[in-house]
PDB file of N, CA and C in Angstrom:
ATOM      1  N   UNK A   1       0.558 -12.782  12.645  1.00  0.00           N
ATOM      2  CA  UNK A   1       0.898 -12.888  11.239  1.00  0.00           C
ATOM      3  C   UNK A   1       2.394 -12.643  11.070  1.00  0.00           C
ATOM      4  N   UNK A   2       3.002 -13.462  10.243  1.00  0.00           N
ATOM      5  CA  UNK A   2       4.421 -13.300   9.931  1.00  0.00           C
ATOM      6  C   UNK A   2       4.596 -12.196   8.895  1.00  0.00           C
ATOM      7  N   UNK A   3       5.742 -11.549   8.942  1.00  0.00           N
ATOM      8  CA  UNK A   3       6.063 -10.519   7.958  1.00  0.00           C
ATOM      9  C   UNK A   3       7.408 -10.835   7.330  1.00  0.00           C
ATOM     10  N   UNK A   4       7.423 -10.933   6.024  1.00  0.00           N
ATOM     11  CA  UNK A   4       8.668 -11.133   5.287  1.00  0.00           C
ATOM     12  C   UNK A   4       8.935  -9.856   4.499  1.00  0.00           C
ATOM     13  N   UNK A   5      10.179  -9.396   4.542  1.00  0.00           N
ATOM     14  CA  UNK A   5      10.559  -8.209   3.788  1.00  0.00           C
ATOM     15  C   UNK A   5      11.712  -8.589   2.871  1.00  0.00           C
ATOM     16  N   UNK A   6      11.519  -8.314   1.595  1.00  0.00           N
ATOM     17  CA  UNK A   6      12.535  -8.605   0.590  1.00  0.00           C
ATOM     18  C   UNK A   6      13.091  -7.301   0.051  1.00  0.00           C
ATOM     19  N   UNK A   7      14.412  -7.181   0.067  1.00  0.00           N
ATOM     20  CA  UNK A   7      15.090  -6.030  -0.514  1.00  0.00           C
ATOM     21  C   UNK A   7      15.769  -6.497  -1.792  1.00  0.00           C
ATOM     22  N   UNK A   8      15.523  -5.800  -2.880  1.00  0.00           N
ATOM     23  CA  UNK A   8      16.127  -6.156  -4.158  1.00  0.00           C
ATOM     24  C   UNK A   8      15.188  -5.779  -5.284  1.00  0.00           C
ATOM     25  N   UNK A   9      15.468  -6.308  -6.446  1.00  0.00           N
ATOM     26  CA  UNK A   9      14.618  -6.011  -7.599  1.00  0.00           C
ATOM     27  C   UNK A   9      13.995  -7.298  -8.112  1.00  0.00           C
ATOM     28  N   UNK A  10      12.772  -7.188  -8.555  1.00  0.00           N
ATOM     29  CA  UNK A  10      12.039  -8.372  -9.003  1.00  0.00           C
ATOM     30  C   UNK A  10      12.604  -8.957 -10.287  1.00  0.00           C
ATOM     31  N   UNK A  11      13.505  -8.249 -10.952  1.00  0.00           N
ATOM     32  CA  UNK A  11      14.121  -8.786 -12.165  1.00  0.00           C
ATOM     33  C   UNK A  11      15.259  -9.756 -11.843  1.00  0.00           C
ATOM     34  N   UNK A  12      15.654  -9.830 -10.578  1.00  0.00           N
ATOM     35  CA  UNK A  12      16.743 -10.704 -10.134  1.00  0.00           C
ATOM     36  C   UNK A  12      16.203 -12.123  -9.887  1.00  0.00           C
ATOM     37  N   UNK A  13      16.851 -13.118 -10.459  1.00  0.00           N
ATOM     38  CA  UNK A  13      16.402 -14.505 -10.282  1.00  0.00           C
ATOM     39  C   UNK A  13      16.487 -14.964  -8.827  1.00  0.00           C
ATOM     40  N   UNK A  14      17.523 -14.538  -8.112  1.00  0.00           N
ATOM     41  CA  UNK A  14      17.648 -14.931  -6.707  1.00  0.00           C
ATOM     42  C   UNK A  14      16.532 -14.306  -5.875  1.00  0.00           C
ATOM     43  N   UNK A  15      16.183 -13.062  -6.188  1.00  0.00           N
ATOM     44  CA  UNK A  15      15.075 -12.372  -5.517  1.00  0.00           C
ATOM     45  C   UNK A  15      13.777 -13.131  -5.771  1.00  0.00           C
ATOM     46  N   UNK A  16      13.537 -13.486  -7.022  1.00  0.00           N
ATOM     47  CA  UNK A  16      12.323 -14.219  -7.392  1.00  0.00           C
ATOM     48  C   UNK A  16      12.248 -15.556  -6.658  1.00  0.00           C
ATOM     49  N   UNK A  17      13.391 -16.233  -6.553  1.00  0.00           N
ATOM     50  CA  UNK A  17      13.427 -17.528  -5.877  1.00  0.00           C
ATOM     51  C   UNK A  17      13.128 -17.377  -4.382  1.00  0.00           C
ATOM     52  N   UNK A  18      13.705 -16.336  -3.741  1.00  0.00           N
ATOM     53  CA  UNK A  18      13.429 -16.086  -2.321  1.00  0.00           C
ATOM     54  C   UNK A  18      11.948 -15.813  -2.114  1.00  0.00           C
ATOM     55  N   UNK A  19      11.392 -14.981  -2.969  1.00  0.00           N
ATOM     56  CA  UNK A  19       9.980 -14.602  -2.874  1.00  0.00           C
ATOM     57  C   UNK A  19       9.089 -15.845  -2.974  1.00  0.00           C
ATOM     58  N   UNK A  20       9.326 -16.655  -3.993  1.00  0.00           N
ATOM     59  CA  UNK A  20       8.525 -17.863  -4.196  1.00  0.00           C
ATOM     60  C   UNK A  20       8.709 -18.845  -3.043  1.00  0.00           C
ATOM     61  N   UNK A  21       9.914 -19.002  -2.583  1.00  0.00           N
ATOM     62  CA  UNK A  21      10.208 -19.926  -1.492  1.00  0.00           C
ATOM     63  C   UNK A  21       9.437 -19.561  -0.231  1.00  0.00           C
ATOM     64  N   UNK A  22       9.454 -18.301   0.128  1.00  0.00           N
ATOM     65  CA  UNK A  22       8.749 -17.851   1.341  1.00  0.00           C
ATOM     66  C   UNK A  22       7.244 -18.062   1.199  1.00  0.00           C
ATOM     67  N   UNK A  23       6.691 -17.655   0.067  1.00  0.00           N
ATOM     68  CA  UNK A  23       5.245 -17.816  -0.138  1.00  0.00           C
ATOM     69  C   UNK A  23       4.842 -19.284  -0.166  1.00  0.00           C
ATOM     70  N   UNK A  24       5.608 -20.108  -0.859  1.00  0.00           N
ATOM     71  CA  UNK A  24       5.279 -21.531  -0.960  1.00  0.00           C
ATOM     72  C   UNK A  24       5.337 -22.222   0.397  1.00  0.00           C
ATOM     73  N   UNK A  25       6.369 -21.945   1.173  1.00  0.00           N
ATOM     74  CA  UNK A  25       6.510 -22.597   2.477  1.00  0.00           C
ATOM     75  C   UNK A  25       5.441 -22.113   3.461  1.00  0.00           C
ATOM     76  N   UNK A  26       5.135 -20.834   3.430  1.00  0.00           N
ATOM     77  CA  UNK A  26       4.083 -20.311   4.305  1.00  0.00           C
ATOM     78  C   UNK A  26       2.740 -20.966   3.955  1.00  0.00           C
ATOM     79  N   UNK A  27       2.472 -21.118   2.663  1.00  0.00           N
ATOM     80  CA  UNK A  27       1.232 -21.759   2.233  1.00  0.00           C
ATOM     81  C   UNK A  27       1.219 -23.232   2.636  1.00  0.00           C
ATOM     82  N   UNK A  28       2.354 -23.914   2.458  1.00  0.00           N
ATOM     83  CA  UNK A  28       2.444 -25.330   2.799  1.00  0.00           C
ATOM     84  C   UNK A  28       2.221 -25.551   4.296  1.00  0.00           C
ATOM     85  N   UNK A  29       2.737 -24.631   5.116  1.00  0.00           N
ATOM     86  CA  UNK A  29       2.586 -24.724   6.570  1.00  0.00           C
ATOM     87  C   UNK A  29       1.287 -24.100   7.065  1.00  0.00           C
ATOM     88  N   UNK A  30       0.522 -23.535   6.119  1.00  0.00           N
ATOM     89  CA  UNK A  30      -0.745 -22.882   6.427  1.00  0.00           C
ATOM     90  C   UNK A  30      -0.560 -21.734   7.423  1.00  0.00           C
ATOM     91  N   UNK A  31       0.482 -20.919   7.170  1.00  0.00           N
ATOM     92  CA  UNK A  31       0.772 -19.771   8.028  1.00  0.00           C
ATOM     93  C   UNK A  31       0.446 -18.480   7.288  1.00  0.00           C
ATOM     94  N   UNK A  32      -0.245 -17.560   7.945  1.00  0.00           N
ATOM     95  CA  UNK A  32      -0.501 -16.271   7.301  1.00  0.00           C
ATOM     96  C   UNK A  32       0.795 -15.468   7.238  1.00  0.00           C
ATOM     97  N   UNK A  33       1.047 -14.855   6.093  1.00  0.00           N
ATOM     98  CA  UNK A  33       2.274 -14.082   5.925  1.00  0.00           C
ATOM     99  C   UNK A  33       2.001 -12.856   5.066  1.00  0.00           C
ATOM    100  N   UNK A  34       2.643 -11.776   5.427  1.00  0.00           N
ATOM    101  CA  UNK A  34       2.582 -10.544   4.643  1.00  0.00           C
ATOM    102  C   UNK A  34       3.975 -10.342   4.069  1.00  0.00           C
ATOM    103  N   UNK A  35       4.049 -10.146   2.757  1.00  0.00           N
ATOM    104  CA  UNK A  35       5.342  -9.948   2.103  1.00  0.00           C
ATOM    105  C   UNK A  35       5.453  -8.497   1.651  1.00  0.00           C
ATOM    106  N   UNK A  36       6.487  -7.828   2.164  1.00  0.00           N
ATOM    107  CA  UNK A  36       6.787  -6.456   1.756  1.00  0.00           C
ATOM    108  C   UNK A  36       7.978  -6.506   0.815  1.00  0.00           C
ATOM    109  N   UNK A  37       7.844  -5.855  -0.328  1.00  0.00           N
ATOM    110  CA  UNK A  37       8.915  -5.842  -1.300  1.00  0.00           C
ATOM    111  C   UNK A  37       9.491  -4.434  -1.398  1.00  0.00           C
ATOM    112  N   UNK A  38      10.773  -4.313  -1.111  1.00  0.00           N
ATOM    113  CA  UNK A  38      11.460  -3.025  -1.153  1.00  0.00           C
ATOM    114  C   UNK A  38      12.374  -3.026  -2.369  1.00  0.00           C
ATOM    115  N   UNK A  39      12.011  -2.222  -3.370  1.00  0.00           N
ATOM    116  CA  UNK A  39      12.800  -2.200  -4.604  1.00  0.00           C
ATOM    117  C   UNK A  39      13.177  -0.782  -5.036  1.00  0.00           C
ATOM    118  N   UNK A  40      12.811   0.197  -4.231  1.00  0.00           N
ATOM    119  CA  UNK A  40      13.141   1.583  -4.563  1.00  0.00           C
ATOM    120  C   UNK A  40      14.634   1.830  -4.348  1.00  0.00           C
ATOM    121  N   UNK A  41      15.246   2.484  -5.285  1.00  0.00           N
ATOM    122  CA  UNK A  41      16.676   2.758  -5.226  1.00  0.00           C
ATOM    123  C   UNK A  41      17.058   3.471  -3.934  1.00  0.00           C
ATOM    124  N   UNK A  42      16.236   4.418  -3.501  1.00  0.00           N
ATOM    125  CA  UNK A  42      16.529   5.177  -2.281  1.00  0.00           C
ATOM    126  C   UNK A  42      16.628   4.251  -1.066  1.00  0.00           C
ATOM    127  N   UNK A  43      15.879   3.181  -1.054  1.00  0.00           N
ATOM    128  CA  UNK A  43      15.918   2.219   0.050  1.00  0.00           C
ATOM    129  C   UNK A  43      17.089   1.239  -0.094  1.00  0.00           C
ATOM    130  N   UNK A  44      17.411   0.886  -1.327  1.00  0.00           N
ATOM    131  CA  UNK A  44      18.440  -0.124  -1.567  1.00  0.00           C
ATOM    132  C   UNK A  44      19.863   0.399  -1.422  1.00  0.00           C
ATOM    133  N   UNK A  45      20.058   1.725  -1.540  1.00  0.00           N
ATOM    134  CA  UNK A  45      21.417   2.268  -1.475  1.00  0.00           C
ATOM    135  C   UNK A  45      22.067   2.098  -0.108  1.00  0.00           C
ATOM    136  N   UNK A  46      21.292   1.785   0.913  1.00  0.00           N
ATOM    137  CA  UNK A  46      21.878   1.569   2.235  1.00  0.00           C
ATOM    138  C   UNK A  46      22.634   0.241   2.316  1.00  0.00           C
ATOM    139  N   UNK A  47      22.467  -0.614   1.310  1.00  0.00           N
ATOM    140  CA  UNK A  47      23.138  -1.916   1.282  1.00  0.00           C
ATOM    141  C   UNK A  47      24.143  -1.970   0.142  1.00  0.00           C
ATOM    142  N   UNK A  48      25.156  -2.783   0.315  1.00  0.00           N
ATOM    143  CA  UNK A  48      26.086  -3.050  -0.766  1.00  0.00           C
ATOM    144  C   UNK A  48      25.330  -3.828  -1.843  1.00  0.00           C
ATOM    145  N   UNK A  49      25.528  -3.477  -3.102  1.00  0.00           N
ATOM    146  CA  UNK A  49      24.840  -4.228  -4.168  1.00  0.00           C
ATOM    147  C   UNK A  49      25.178  -5.715  -4.131  1.00  0.00           C
ATOM    148  N   UNK A  50      26.343  -6.042  -3.589  1.00  0.00           N
ATOM    149  CA  UNK A  50      26.751  -7.440  -3.525  1.00  0.00           C
ATOM    150  C   UNK A  50      26.021  -8.210  -2.429  1.00  0.00           C
ATOM    151  N   UNK A  51      25.307  -7.499  -1.542  1.00  0.00           N
ATOM    152  CA  UNK A  51      24.572  -8.189  -0.483  1.00  0.00           C
ATOM    153  C   UNK A  51      23.077  -8.297  -0.799  1.00  0.00           C
ATOM    154  N   UNK A  52      22.704  -7.958  -2.013  1.00  0.00           N
ATOM    155  CA  UNK A  52      21.298  -8.058  -2.421  1.00  0.00           C
ATOM    156  C   UNK A  52      21.108  -9.320  -3.244  1.00  0.00           C
ATOM    157  N   UNK A  53      19.952  -9.903  -3.215  1.00  0.00           N
ATOM    158  CA  UNK A  53      18.776  -9.564  -2.435  1.00  0.00           C
ATOM    159  C   UNK A  53      18.952  -9.961  -0.965  1.00  0.00           C
ATOM    160  N   UNK A  54      18.090  -9.389  -0.121  1.00  0.00           N
ATOM    161  CA  UNK A  54      18.105  -9.659   1.312  1.00  0.00           C
ATOM    162  C   UNK A  54      16.696 -10.055   1.727  1.00  0.00           C
ATOM    163  N   UNK A  55      16.620 -11.015   2.628  1.00  0.00           N
ATOM    164  CA  UNK A  55      15.337 -11.491   3.127  1.00  0.00           C
ATOM    165  C   UNK A  55      15.315 -11.377   4.638  1.00  0.00           C
ATOM    166  N   UNK A  56      14.295 -10.691   5.139  1.00  0.00           N
ATOM    167  CA  UNK A  56      14.065 -10.575   6.583  1.00  0.00           C
ATOM    168  C   UNK A  56      12.721 -11.218   6.892  1.00  0.00           C
ATOM    169  N   UNK A  57      12.663 -11.931   7.996  1.00  0.00           N
ATOM    170  CA  UNK A  57      11.383 -12.470   8.475  1.00  0.00           C
ATOM    171  C   UNK A  57      11.201 -11.958   9.893  1.00  0.00           C
ATOM    172  N   UNK A  58      10.097 -11.246  10.093  1.00  0.00           N
ATOM    173  CA  UNK A  58       9.800 -10.590  11.372  1.00  0.00           C
ATOM    174  C   UNK A  58      10.970  -9.731  11.847  1.00  0.00           C
ATOM    175  N   UNK A  59      11.612  -9.043  10.916  1.00  0.00           N
ATOM    176  CA  UNK A  59      12.697  -8.125  11.249  1.00  0.00           C
ATOM    177  C   UNK A  59      14.059  -8.764  11.408  1.00  0.00           C
ATOM    178  N   UNK A  60      14.141 -10.087  11.323  1.00  0.00           N
ATOM    179  CA  UNK A  60      15.411 -10.784  11.471  1.00  0.00           C
ATOM    180  C   UNK A  60      15.981 -11.146  10.098  1.00  0.00           C
ATOM    181  N   UNK A  61      17.232 -10.825   9.887  1.00  0.00           N
ATOM    182  CA  UNK A  61      17.892 -11.144   8.626  1.00  0.00           C
ATOM    183  C   UNK A  61      18.012 -12.656   8.487  1.00  0.00           C
ATOM    184  N   UNK A  62      17.491 -13.171   7.385  1.00  0.00           N
ATOM    185  CA  UNK A  62      17.483 -14.606   7.136  1.00  0.00           C
ATOM    186  C   UNK A  62      18.472 -14.979   6.038  1.00  0.00           C
ATOM    187  N   UNK A  63      18.558 -14.152   4.996  1.00  0.00           N
ATOM    188  CA  UNK A  63      19.425 -14.497   3.866  1.00  0.00           C
ATOM    189  C   UNK A  63      19.893 -13.250   3.144  1.00  0.00           C
ATOM    190  N   UNK A  64      21.126 -13.322   2.660  1.00  0.00           N
ATOM    191  CA  UNK A  64      21.655 -12.296   1.761  1.00  0.00           C
ATOM    192  C   UNK A  64      22.247 -13.007   0.560  1.00  0.00           C
ATOM    193  N   UNK A  65      22.132 -12.390  -0.569  1.00  0.00           N
ATOM    194  CA  UNK A  65      22.644 -12.869  -1.853  1.00  0.00           C
ATOM    195  C   UNK A  65      21.945 -14.122  -2.354  1.00  0.00           C
ATOM    196  N   UNK A  66      22.126 -15.247  -1.676  1.00  0.00           N
ATOM    197  CA  UNK A  66      21.588 -16.511  -2.165  1.00  0.00           C
ATOM    198  C   UNK A  66      20.381 -16.952  -1.352  1.00  0.00           C
ATOM    199  N   UNK A  67      19.382 -17.509  -2.038  1.00  0.00           N
ATOM    200  CA  UNK A  67      18.208 -17.988  -1.321  1.00  0.00           C
ATOM    201  C   UNK A  67      18.579 -19.102  -0.347  1.00  0.00           C
ATOM    202  N   UNK A  68      17.950 -19.129   0.806  1.00  0.00           N
ATOM    203  CA  UNK A  68      18.205 -20.206   1.766  1.00  0.00           C
ATOM    204  C   UNK A  68      17.580 -21.506   1.270  1.00  0.00           C
ATOM    205  N   UNK A  69      17.951 -22.589   1.899  1.00  0.00           N
ATOM    206  CA  UNK A  69      17.359 -23.889   1.574  1.00  0.00           C
ATOM    207  C   UNK A  69      15.943 -23.953   2.146  1.00  0.00           C
ATOM    208  N   UNK A  70      15.133 -24.788   1.546  1.00  0.00           N
ATOM    209  CA  UNK A  70      13.737 -24.945   1.974  1.00  0.00           C
ATOM    210  C   UNK A  70      13.666 -25.293   3.453  1.00  0.00           C
ATOM    211  N   UNK A  71      14.552 -26.177   3.908  1.00  0.00           N
ATOM    212  CA  UNK A  71      14.541 -26.611   5.304  1.00  0.00           C
ATOM    213  C   UNK A  71      14.785 -25.435   6.251  1.00  0.00           C
ATOM    214  N   UNK A  72      15.668 -24.521   5.843  1.00  0.00           N
ATOM    215  CA  UNK A  72      15.964 -23.349   6.676  1.00  0.00           C
ATOM    216  C   UNK A  72      14.736 -22.457   6.795  1.00  0.00           C
ATOM    217  N   UNK A  73      14.075 -22.199   5.683  1.00  0.00           N
ATOM    218  CA  UNK A  73      12.874 -21.352   5.694  1.00  0.00           C
ATOM    219  C   UNK A  73      11.786 -22.001   6.544  1.00  0.00           C
ATOM    220  N   UNK A  74      11.602 -23.289   6.391  1.00  0.00           N
ATOM    221  CA  UNK A  74      10.590 -24.010   7.171  1.00  0.00           C
ATOM    222  C   UNK A  74      10.851 -23.840   8.661  1.00  0.00           C
ATOM    223  N   UNK A  75      12.083 -24.068   9.061  1.00  0.00           N
ATOM    224  CA  UNK A  75      12.448 -23.958  10.481  1.00  0.00           C
ATOM    225  C   UNK A  75      12.222 -22.542  11.001  1.00  0.00           C
ATOM    226  N   UNK A  76      12.628 -21.549  10.222  1.00  0.00           N
ATOM    227  CA  UNK A  76      12.494 -20.145  10.647  1.00  0.00           C
ATOM    228  C   UNK A  76      11.024 -19.758  10.746  1.00  0.00           C
ATOM    229  N   UNK A  77      10.219 -20.143   9.757  1.00  0.00           N
ATOM    230  CA  UNK A  77       8.795 -19.811   9.798  1.00  0.00           C
ATOM    231  C   UNK A  77       8.114 -20.454  10.998  1.00  0.00           C
ATOM    232  N   UNK A  78       8.462 -21.695  11.285  1.00  0.00           N
ATOM    233  CA  UNK A  78       7.857 -22.372  12.427  1.00  0.00           C
ATOM    234  C   UNK A  78       8.286 -21.708  13.741  1.00  0.00           C
ATOM    235  N   UNK A  79       9.558 -21.333  13.854  1.00  0.00           N
ATOM    236  CA  UNK A  79      10.050 -20.673  15.075  1.00  0.00           C
ATOM    237  C   UNK A  79       9.390 -19.303  15.253  1.00  0.00           C
ATOM    238  N   UNK A  80       9.307 -18.540  14.188  1.00  0.00           N
ATOM    239  CA  UNK A  80       8.746 -17.191  14.275  1.00  0.00           C
ATOM    240  C   UNK A  80       7.241 -17.220  14.539  1.00  0.00           C
ATOM    241  N   UNK A  81       6.587 -18.293  14.151  1.00  0.00           N
ATOM    242  CA  UNK A  81       5.152 -18.393  14.352  1.00  0.00           C
ATOM    243  C   UNK A  81       4.801 -18.896  15.764  1.00  0.00           C
ATOM    244  N   UNK A  82       5.773 -19.472  16.453  1.00  0.00           N
ATOM    245  CA  UNK A  82       5.515 -20.043  17.779  1.00  0.00           C
ATOM    246  C   UNK A  82       5.194 -18.991  18.808  1.00  0.00           C
TER     247      UNK A  82
END
């Protein structure tokens, strides 16, 4: 099973877009995925506010600030699932 971890707040549009993108692509590829959302201030203070939101897939940093393109997520999910 793949694991995606999102750091940021759900009120952020970029965070929401990353979240939806990961779930949609995993569903489209029929891959099981667990999404962990980290939004507690104590966890977020380790990052610069300018580098949020952050997306990790299986522990690897995939995106900071701006959501990646669909093609990038597709490629990463397929590689991580192999």
